Amino acid sequence: MGKLLFWVVLIIAVLFVARVAARMAAARQAGEQGGQKARGKTPPPKPLESMVRCAHCGIHLPRSEALLQDGKIWCSEDHAKRGAA
């Protein structure tokens, strides 16, 4: 009975040490990632851009990719030539 109790306690102790080591490794990795963010290693987020609707097909696209002709917004030159639907 004594040997069985010894092995049970030993297994529990090993599992506990492994759990503590995993938590310490996760905390260290999170600290390193936080340090990179503070030093500017990650790129800044892209600014939000308004979406516009094509007068021909109705697709929504970013304003920077749209064409503006005759006061209307188009997704391509082909749709600008075809006109509004």
PDB file of N, CA and C in Angstrom:
ATOM      1  N   MET A   1       0.819  -1.191   0.000  1.00  0.00           N
ATOM      2  CA  MET A   1       0.000   0.000   0.000  1.00  0.00           C
ATOM      3  C   MET A   1       0.862   1.254   0.000  1.00  0.00           C
ATOM      4  N   GLY A   2       1.981   1.188   0.684  1.00  0.00           N
ATOM      5  CA  GLY A   2       2.875   2.332   0.768  1.00  0.00           C
ATOM      6  C   GLY A   2       3.493   2.685  -0.574  1.00  0.00           C
ATOM      7  N   LYS A   3       3.863   1.643  -1.362  1.00  0.00           N
ATOM      8  CA  LYS A   3       4.448   1.892  -2.672  1.00  0.00           C
ATOM      9  C   LYS A   3       3.431   2.533  -3.612  1.00  0.00           C
ATOM     10  N   LEU A   4       2.199   2.093  -3.552  1.00  0.00           N
ATOM     11  CA  LEU A   4       1.145   2.639  -4.396  1.00  0.00           C
ATOM     12  C   LEU A   4       0.909   4.118  -4.072  1.00  0.00           C
ATOM     13  N   LEU A   5       0.866   4.439  -2.799  1.00  0.00           N
ATOM     14  CA  LEU A   5       0.690   5.830  -2.377  1.00  0.00           C
ATOM     15  C   LEU A   5       1.871   6.686  -2.832  1.00  0.00           C
ATOM     16  N   PHE A   6       3.065   6.145  -2.742  1.00  0.00           N
ATOM     17  CA  PHE A   6       4.260   6.857  -3.188  1.00  0.00           C
ATOM     18  C   PHE A   6       4.163   7.196  -4.672  1.00  0.00           C
ATOM     19  N   TRP A   7       3.801   6.216  -5.509  1.00  0.00           N
ATOM     20  CA  TRP A   7       3.696   6.451  -6.945  1.00  0.00           C
ATOM     21  C   TRP A   7       2.585   7.447  -7.296  1.00  0.00           C
ATOM     22  N   VAL A   8       1.485   7.383  -6.599  1.00  0.00           N
ATOM     23  CA  VAL A   8       0.388   8.319  -6.843  1.00  0.00           C
ATOM     24  C   VAL A   8       0.849   9.749  -6.521  1.00  0.00           C
ATOM     25  N   VAL A   9       1.493   9.922  -5.396  1.00  0.00           N
ATOM     26  CA  VAL A   9       1.981  11.245  -5.007  1.00  0.00           C
ATOM     27  C   VAL A   9       3.047  11.725  -5.991  1.00  0.00           C
ATOM     28  N   LEU A  10       3.922  10.860  -6.435  1.00  0.00           N
ATOM     29  CA  LEU A  10       4.963  11.219  -7.386  1.00  0.00           C
ATOM     30  C   LEU A  10       4.357  11.655  -8.724  1.00  0.00           C
ATOM     31  N   ILE A  11       3.373  10.943  -9.211  1.00  0.00           N
ATOM     32  CA  ILE A  11       2.723  11.301 -10.476  1.00  0.00           C
ATOM     33  C   ILE A  11       2.019  12.649 -10.359  1.00  0.00           C
ATOM     34  N   ILE A  12       1.340  12.868  -9.249  1.00  0.00           N
ATOM     35  CA  ILE A  12       0.667  14.151  -9.034  1.00  0.00           C
ATOM     36  C   ILE A  12       1.685  15.286  -8.975  1.00  0.00           C
ATOM     37  N   ALA A  13       2.815  15.071  -8.330  1.00  0.00           N
ATOM     38  CA  ALA A  13       3.850  16.098  -8.238  1.00  0.00           C
ATOM     39  C   ALA A  13       4.433  16.414  -9.620  1.00  0.00           C
ATOM     40  N   VAL A  14       4.680  15.400 -10.446  1.00  0.00           N
ATOM     41  CA  VAL A  14       5.218  15.619 -11.787  1.00  0.00           C
ATOM     42  C   VAL A  14       4.215  16.401 -12.635  1.00  0.00           C
ATOM     43  N   LEU A  15       2.942  16.058 -12.558  1.00  0.00           N
ATOM     44  CA  LEU A  15       1.920  16.778 -13.313  1.00  0.00           C
ATOM     45  C   LEU A  15       1.826  18.235 -12.858  1.00  0.00           C
ATOM     46  N   PHE A  16       1.946  18.464 -11.557  1.00  0.00           N
ATOM     47  CA  PHE A  16       1.894  19.817 -11.027  1.00  0.00           C
ATOM     48  C   PHE A  16       3.078  20.649 -11.527  1.00  0.00           C
ATOM     49  N   VAL A  17       4.263  20.080 -11.514  1.00  0.00           N
ATOM     50  CA  VAL A  17       5.456  20.789 -11.986  1.00  0.00           C
ATOM     51  C   VAL A  17       5.335  21.085 -13.480  1.00  0.00           C
ATOM     52  N   ALA A  18       4.817  20.148 -14.266  1.00  0.00           N
ATOM     53  CA  ALA A  18       4.649  20.367 -15.700  1.00  0.00           C
ATOM     54  C   ALA A  18       3.643  21.491 -15.949  1.00  0.00           C
ATOM     55  N   ARG A  19       2.585  21.529 -15.169  1.00  0.00           N
ATOM     56  CA  ARG A  19       1.572  22.577 -15.322  1.00  0.00           C
ATOM     57  C   ARG A  19       2.149  23.961 -14.997  1.00  0.00           C
ATOM     58  N   VAL A  20       2.919  24.050 -13.925  1.00  0.00           N
ATOM     59  CA  VAL A  20       3.541  25.321 -13.549  1.00  0.00           C
ATOM     60  C   VAL A  20       4.544  25.761 -14.613  1.00  0.00           C
ATOM     61  N   ALA A  21       5.312  24.828 -15.155  1.00  0.00           N
ATOM     62  CA  ALA A  21       6.291  25.170 -16.188  1.00  0.00           C
ATOM     63  C   ALA A  21       5.591  25.666 -17.458  1.00  0.00           C
ATOM     64  N   ALA A  22       4.480  25.056 -17.819  1.00  0.00           N
ATOM     65  CA  ALA A  22       3.741  25.487 -19.007  1.00  0.00           C
ATOM     66  C   ALA A  22       3.181  26.888 -18.816  1.00  0.00           C
ATOM     67  N   ARG A  23       2.683  27.187 -17.643  1.00  0.00           N
ATOM     68  CA  ARG A  23       2.165  28.532 -17.364  1.00  0.00           C
ATOM     69  C   ARG A  23       3.277  29.577 -17.420  1.00  0.00           C
ATOM     70  N   MET A  24       4.443  29.232 -16.888  1.00  0.00           N
ATOM     71  CA  MET A  24       5.561  30.174 -16.921  1.00  0.00           C
ATOM     72  C   MET A  24       6.018  30.420 -18.355  1.00  0.00           C
ATOM     73  N   ALA A  25       6.053  29.380 -19.176  1.00  0.00           N
ATOM     74  CA  ALA A  25       6.456  29.536 -20.574  1.00  0.00           C
ATOM     75  C   ALA A  25       5.438  30.404 -21.337  1.00  0.00           C
ATOM     76  N   ALA A  26       4.156  30.209 -21.074  1.00  0.00           N
ATOM     77  CA  ALA A  26       3.119  31.009 -21.739  1.00  0.00           C
ATOM     78  C   ALA A  26       3.214  32.474 -21.313  1.00  0.00           C
ATOM     79  N   ALA A  27       3.480  32.710 -20.039  1.00  0.00           N
ATOM     80  CA  ALA A  27       3.600  34.080 -19.548  1.00  0.00           C
ATOM     81  C   ALA A  27       4.842  34.751 -20.144  1.00  0.00           C
ATOM     82  N   ARG A  28       5.931  34.032 -20.279  1.00  0.00           N
ATOM     83  CA  ARG A  28       7.148  34.576 -20.849  1.00  0.00           C
ATOM     84  C   ARG A  28       6.943  34.911 -22.329  1.00  0.00           C
ATOM     85  N   GLN A  29       6.251  34.020 -23.056  1.00  0.00           N
ATOM     86  CA  GLN A  29       5.987  34.268 -24.470  1.00  0.00           C
ATOM     87  C   GLN A  29       5.060  35.478 -24.641  1.00  0.00           C
ATOM     88  N   ALA A  30       4.062  35.621 -23.796  1.00  0.00           N
ATOM     89  CA  ALA A  30       3.163  36.776 -23.874  1.00  0.00           C
ATOM     90  C   ALA A  30       3.927  38.055 -23.544  1.00  0.00           C
ATOM     91  N   GLY A  31       4.865  37.997 -22.631  1.00  0.00           N
ATOM     92  CA  GLY A  31       5.681  39.159 -22.305  1.00  0.00           C
ATOM     93  C   GLY A  31       6.567  39.576 -23.460  1.00  0.00           C
ATOM     94  N   GLU A  32       7.133  38.599 -24.194  1.00  0.00           N
ATOM     95  CA  GLU A  32       7.963  38.912 -25.348  1.00  0.00           C
ATOM     96  C   GLU A  32       7.137  39.542 -26.456  1.00  0.00           C
ATOM     97  N   GLN A  33       5.936  39.051 -26.685  1.00  0.00           N
ATOM     98  CA  GLN A  33       5.074  39.623 -27.717  1.00  0.00           C
ATOM     99  C   GLN A  33       4.644  41.025 -27.332  1.00  0.00           C
ATOM    100  N   GLY A  34       4.373  41.243 -26.065  1.00  0.00           N
ATOM    101  CA  GLY A  34       4.012  42.577 -25.613  1.00  0.00           C
ATOM    102  C   GLY A  34       5.158  43.550 -25.766  1.00  0.00           C
ATOM    103  N   GLY A  35       6.372  43.078 -25.581  1.00  0.00           N
ATOM    104  CA  GLY A  35       7.546  43.925 -25.757  1.00  0.00           C
ATOM    105  C   GLY A  35       7.761  44.309 -27.207  1.00  0.00           C
ATOM    106  N   GLN A  36       7.452  43.392 -28.121  1.00  0.00           N
ATOM    107  CA  GLN A  36       7.578  43.704 -29.539  1.00  0.00           C
ATOM    108  C   GLN A  36       6.570  44.763 -29.951  1.00  0.00           C
ATOM    109  N   LYS A  37       5.376  44.693 -29.411  1.00  0.00           N
ATOM    110  CA  LYS A  37       4.364  45.690 -29.736  1.00  0.00           C
ATOM    111  C   LYS A  37       4.793  47.058 -29.225  1.00  0.00           C
ATOM    112  N   ALA A  38       5.401  47.083 -28.049  1.00  0.00           N
ATOM    113  CA  ALA A  38       5.818  48.358 -27.471  1.00  0.00           C
ATOM    114  C   ALA A  38       6.969  48.968 -28.273  1.00  0.00           C
ATOM    115  N   ARG A  39       7.824  48.118 -28.864  1.00  0.00           N
ATOM    116  CA  ARG A  39       8.956  48.614 -29.628  1.00  0.00           C
ATOM    117  C   ARG A  39       8.597  48.920 -31.079  1.00  0.00           C
ATOM    118  N   GLY A  40       7.366  48.684 -31.462  1.00  0.00           N
ATOM    119  CA  GLY A  40       6.935  48.998 -32.817  1.00  0.00           C
ATOM    120  C   GLY A  40       7.258  47.925 -33.831  1.00  0.00           C
ATOM    121  N   LYS A  41       7.375  46.688 -33.422  1.00  0.00           N
ATOM    122  CA  LYS A  41       7.682  45.603 -34.350  1.00  0.00           C
ATOM    123  C   LYS A  41       6.474  45.244 -35.210  1.00  0.00           C
ATOM    124  N   THR A  42       5.283  45.446 -34.721  1.00  0.00           N
ATOM    125  CA  THR A  42       4.092  45.119 -35.492  1.00  0.00           C
ATOM    126  C   THR A  42       3.684  46.328 -36.327  1.00  0.00           C
ATOM    127  N   PRO A  43       3.188  46.088 -37.526  1.00  0.00           N
ATOM    128  CA  PRO A  43       2.795  47.219 -38.373  1.00  0.00           C
ATOM    129  C   PRO A  43       1.543  47.898 -37.810  1.00  0.00           C
ATOM    130  N   PRO A  44       1.415  49.197 -38.043  1.00  0.00           N
ATOM    131  CA  PRO A  44       0.232  49.898 -37.534  1.00  0.00           C
ATOM    132  C   PRO A  44      -1.011  49.419 -38.280  1.00  0.00           C
ATOM    133  N   PRO A  45      -2.170  49.458 -37.636  1.00  0.00           N
ATOM    134  CA  PRO A  45      -3.380  48.998 -38.318  1.00  0.00           C
ATOM    135  C   PRO A  45      -3.749  49.931 -39.472  1.00  0.00           C
ATOM    136  N   LYS A  46      -4.363  49.351 -40.483  1.00  0.00           N
ATOM    137  CA  LYS A  46      -4.764  50.138 -41.646  1.00  0.00           C
ATOM    138  C   LYS A  46      -5.932  51.037 -41.248  1.00  0.00           C
ATOM    139  N   PRO A  47      -5.939  52.271 -41.732  1.00  0.00           N
ATOM    140  CA  PRO A  47      -7.064  53.155 -41.411  1.00  0.00           C
ATOM    141  C   PRO A  47      -8.331  52.672 -42.111  1.00  0.00           C
ATOM    142  N   LEU A  48      -9.459  52.926 -41.493  1.00  0.00           N
ATOM    143  CA  LEU A  48     -10.729  52.532 -42.092  1.00  0.00           C
ATOM    144  C   LEU A  48     -11.004  53.385 -43.317  1.00  0.00           C
ATOM    145  N   GLU A  49     -11.587  52.775 -44.322  1.00  0.00           N
ATOM    146  CA  GLU A  49     -11.865  53.477 -45.563  1.00  0.00           C
ATOM    147  C   GLU A  49     -13.339  53.299 -45.898  1.00  0.00           C
ATOM    148  N   SER A  50     -13.957  54.349 -46.387  1.00  0.00           N
ATOM    149  CA  SER A  50     -15.370  54.266 -46.704  1.00  0.00           C
ATOM    150  C   SER A  50     -15.573  53.437 -47.971  1.00  0.00           C
ATOM    151  N   MET A  51     -16.713  52.755 -48.019  1.00  0.00           N
ATOM    152  CA  MET A  51     -17.069  51.927 -49.151  1.00  0.00           C
ATOM    153  C   MET A  51     -18.075  52.684 -50.015  1.00  0.00           C
ATOM    154  N   VAL A  52     -17.973  52.500 -51.330  1.00  0.00           N
ATOM    155  CA  VAL A  52     -18.894  53.138 -52.270  1.00  0.00           C
ATOM    156  C   VAL A  52     -19.510  52.056 -53.156  1.00  0.00           C
ATOM    157  N   ARG A  53     -20.606  52.407 -53.834  1.00  0.00           N
ATOM    158  CA  ARG A  53     -21.350  51.447 -54.639  1.00  0.00           C
ATOM    159  C   ARG A  53     -21.251  51.819 -56.113  1.00  0.00           C
ATOM    160  N   CYS A  54     -20.980  50.827 -56.950  1.00  0.00           N
ATOM    161  CA  CYS A  54     -20.900  51.039 -58.389  1.00  0.00           C
ATOM    162  C   CYS A  54     -22.294  51.351 -58.924  1.00  0.00           C
ATOM    163  N   ALA A  55     -22.391  52.360 -59.792  1.00  0.00           N
ATOM    164  CA  ALA A  55     -23.679  52.756 -60.351  1.00  0.00           C
ATOM    165  C   ALA A  55     -24.208  51.734 -61.356  1.00  0.00           C
ATOM    166  N   HIS A  56     -23.355  50.864 -61.881  1.00  0.00           N
ATOM    167  CA  HIS A  56     -23.795  49.882 -62.877  1.00  0.00           C
ATOM    168  C   HIS A  56     -24.195  48.545 -62.242  1.00  0.00           C
ATOM    169  N   CYS A  57     -23.265  47.937 -61.514  1.00  0.00           N
ATOM    170  CA  CYS A  57     -23.516  46.582 -60.996  1.00  0.00           C
ATOM    171  C   CYS A  57     -23.905  46.551 -59.524  1.00  0.00           C
ATOM    172  N   GLY A  58     -23.670  47.630 -58.794  1.00  0.00           N
ATOM    173  CA  GLY A  58     -24.071  47.685 -57.387  1.00  0.00           C
ATOM    174  C   GLY A  58     -23.068  47.106 -56.415  1.00  0.00           C
ATOM    175  N   ILE A  59     -21.915  46.667 -56.926  1.00  0.00           N
ATOM    176  CA  ILE A  59     -20.909  46.103 -56.026  1.00  0.00           C
ATOM    177  C   ILE A  59     -20.318  47.211 -55.154  1.00  0.00           C
ATOM    178  N   HIS A  60     -19.983  46.864 -53.920  1.00  0.00           N
ATOM    179  CA  HIS A  60     -19.351  47.821 -53.000  1.00  0.00           C
ATOM    180  C   HIS A  60     -17.839  47.617 -53.053  1.00  0.00           C
ATOM    181  N   LEU A  61     -17.114  48.712 -53.107  1.00  0.00           N
ATOM    182  CA  LEU A  61     -15.666  48.653 -53.143  1.00  0.00           C
ATOM    183  C   LEU A  61     -15.099  49.855 -52.399  1.00  0.00           C
ATOM    184  N   PRO A  62     -13.830  49.776 -51.972  1.00  0.00           N
ATOM    185  CA  PRO A  62     -13.217  50.911 -51.272  1.00  0.00           C
ATOM    186  C   PRO A  62     -13.162  52.138 -52.169  1.00  0.00           C
ATOM    187  N   ARG A  63     -13.318  53.286 -51.579  1.00  0.00           N
ATOM    188  CA  ARG A  63     -13.334  54.544 -52.341  1.00  0.00           C
ATOM    189  C   ARG A  63     -12.041  54.724 -53.140  1.00  0.00           C
ATOM    190  N   SER A  64     -10.906  54.267 -52.611  1.00  0.00           N
ATOM    191  CA  SER A  64      -9.633  54.460 -53.307  1.00  0.00           C
ATOM    192  C   SER A  64      -9.536  53.636 -54.588  1.00  0.00           C
ATOM    193  N   GLU A  65     -10.319  52.570 -54.707  1.00  0.00           N
ATOM    194  CA  GLU A  65     -10.283  51.725 -55.898  1.00  0.00           C
ATOM    195  C   GLU A  65     -11.355  52.098 -56.916  1.00  0.00           C
ATOM    196  N   ALA A  66     -12.265  52.997 -56.578  1.00  0.00           N
ATOM    197  CA  ALA A  66     -13.385  53.346 -57.448  1.00  0.00           C
ATOM    198  C   ALA A  66     -12.998  54.428 -58.453  1.00  0.00           C
ATOM    199  N   LEU A  67     -13.741  54.464 -59.551  1.00  0.00           N
ATOM    200  CA  LEU A  67     -13.590  55.508 -60.570  1.00  0.00           C
ATOM    201  C   LEU A  67     -14.738  56.495 -60.415  1.00  0.00           C
ATOM    202  N   LEU A  68     -14.445  57.771 -60.530  1.00  0.00           N
ATOM    203  CA  LEU A  68     -15.467  58.804 -60.440  1.00  0.00           C
ATOM    204  C   LEU A  68     -15.516  59.527 -61.781  1.00  0.00           C
ATOM    205  N   GLN A  69     -16.632  59.342 -62.509  1.00  0.00           N
ATOM    206  CA  GLN A  69     -16.818  59.999 -63.797  1.00  0.00           C
ATOM    207  C   GLN A  69     -18.236  60.541 -63.875  1.00  0.00           C
ATOM    208  N   ASP A  70     -18.369  61.757 -64.316  1.00  0.00           N
ATOM    209  CA  ASP A  70     -19.669  62.415 -64.465  1.00  0.00           C
ATOM    210  C   ASP A  70     -20.471  62.401 -63.169  1.00  0.00           C
ATOM    211  N   GLY A  71     -19.795  62.499 -62.065  1.00  0.00           N
ATOM    212  CA  GLY A  71     -20.460  62.553 -60.770  1.00  0.00           C
ATOM    213  C   GLY A  71     -20.984  61.218 -60.281  1.00  0.00           C
ATOM    214  N   LYS A  72     -20.668  60.133 -60.966  1.00  0.00           N
ATOM    215  CA  LYS A  72     -21.099  58.783 -60.557  1.00  0.00           C
ATOM    216  C   LYS A  72     -19.872  57.932 -60.263  1.00  0.00           C
ATOM    217  N   ILE A  73     -20.101  56.890 -59.496  1.00  0.00           N
ATOM    218  CA  ILE A  73     -19.010  56.020 -59.057  1.00  0.00           C
ATOM    219  C   ILE A  73     -19.116  54.697 -59.802  1.00  0.00           C
ATOM    220  N   TRP A  74     -17.972  54.216 -60.300  1.00  0.00           N
ATOM    221  CA  TRP A  74     -17.911  52.980 -61.079  1.00  0.00           C
ATOM    222  C   TRP A  74     -16.822  52.076 -60.511  1.00  0.00           C
ATOM    223  N   CYS A  75     -16.995  50.771 -60.710  1.00  0.00           N
ATOM    224  CA  CYS A  75     -15.983  49.830 -60.240  1.00  0.00           C
ATOM    225  C   CYS A  75     -14.912  49.577 -61.301  1.00  0.00           C
ATOM    226  N   SER A  76     -15.228  49.856 -62.581  1.00  0.00           N
ATOM    227  CA  SER A  76     -14.251  49.661 -63.652  1.00  0.00           C
ATOM    228  C   SER A  76     -14.567  50.609 -64.800  1.00  0.00           C
ATOM    229  N   GLU A  77     -13.604  50.733 -65.717  1.00  0.00           N
ATOM    230  CA  GLU A  77     -13.815  51.583 -66.877  1.00  0.00           C
ATOM    231  C   GLU A  77     -14.916  51.030 -67.781  1.00  0.00           C
ATOM    232  N   ASP A  78     -14.998  49.704 -67.857  1.00  0.00           N
ATOM    233  CA  ASP A  78     -16.023  49.071 -68.676  1.00  0.00           C
ATOM    234  C   ASP A  78     -17.429  49.457 -68.194  1.00  0.00           C
ATOM    235  N   HIS A  79     -17.636  49.434 -66.907  1.00  0.00           N
ATOM    236  CA  HIS A  79     -18.946  49.808 -66.365  1.00  0.00           C
ATOM    237  C   HIS A  79     -19.211  51.310 -66.536  1.00  0.00           C
ATOM    238  N   ALA A  80     -18.171  52.112 -66.504  1.00  0.00           N
ATOM    239  CA  ALA A  80     -18.351  53.544 -66.744  1.00  0.00           C
ATOM    240  C   ALA A  80     -18.794  53.791 -68.184  1.00  0.00           C
ATOM    241  N   LYS A  81     -18.251  52.991 -69.129  1.00  0.00           N
ATOM    242  CA  LYS A  81     -18.646  53.135 -70.523  1.00  0.00           C
ATOM    243  C   LYS A  81     -20.081  52.671 -70.751  1.00  0.00           C
ATOM    244  N   ARG A  82     -20.486  51.586 -70.067  1.00  0.00           N
ATOM    245  CA  ARG A  82     -21.841  51.047 -70.238  1.00  0.00           C
ATOM    246  C   ARG A  82     -22.907  51.946 -69.626  1.00  0.00           C
ATOM    247  N   GLY A  83     -22.546  52.652 -68.604  1.00  0.00           N
ATOM    248  CA  GLY A  83     -23.508  53.553 -67.956  1.00  0.00           C
ATOM    249  C   GLY A  83     -24.260  52.876 -66.825  1.00  0.00           C
ATOM    250  N   ALA A  84     -25.167  53.626 -66.218  1.00  0.00           N
ATOM    251  CA  ALA A  84     -25.926  53.115 -65.072  1.00  0.00           C
ATOM    252  C   ALA A  84     -26.929  52.069 -65.525  1.00  0.00           C
ATOM    253  N   ALA A  85     -27.166  51.092 -64.687  1.00  0.00           N
ATOM    254  CA  ALA A  85     -28.116  50.017 -65.005  1.00  0.00           C
ATOM    255  C   ALA A  85     -29.538  50.435 -64.718  1.00  0.00           C
TER     256      ALA A  85
END
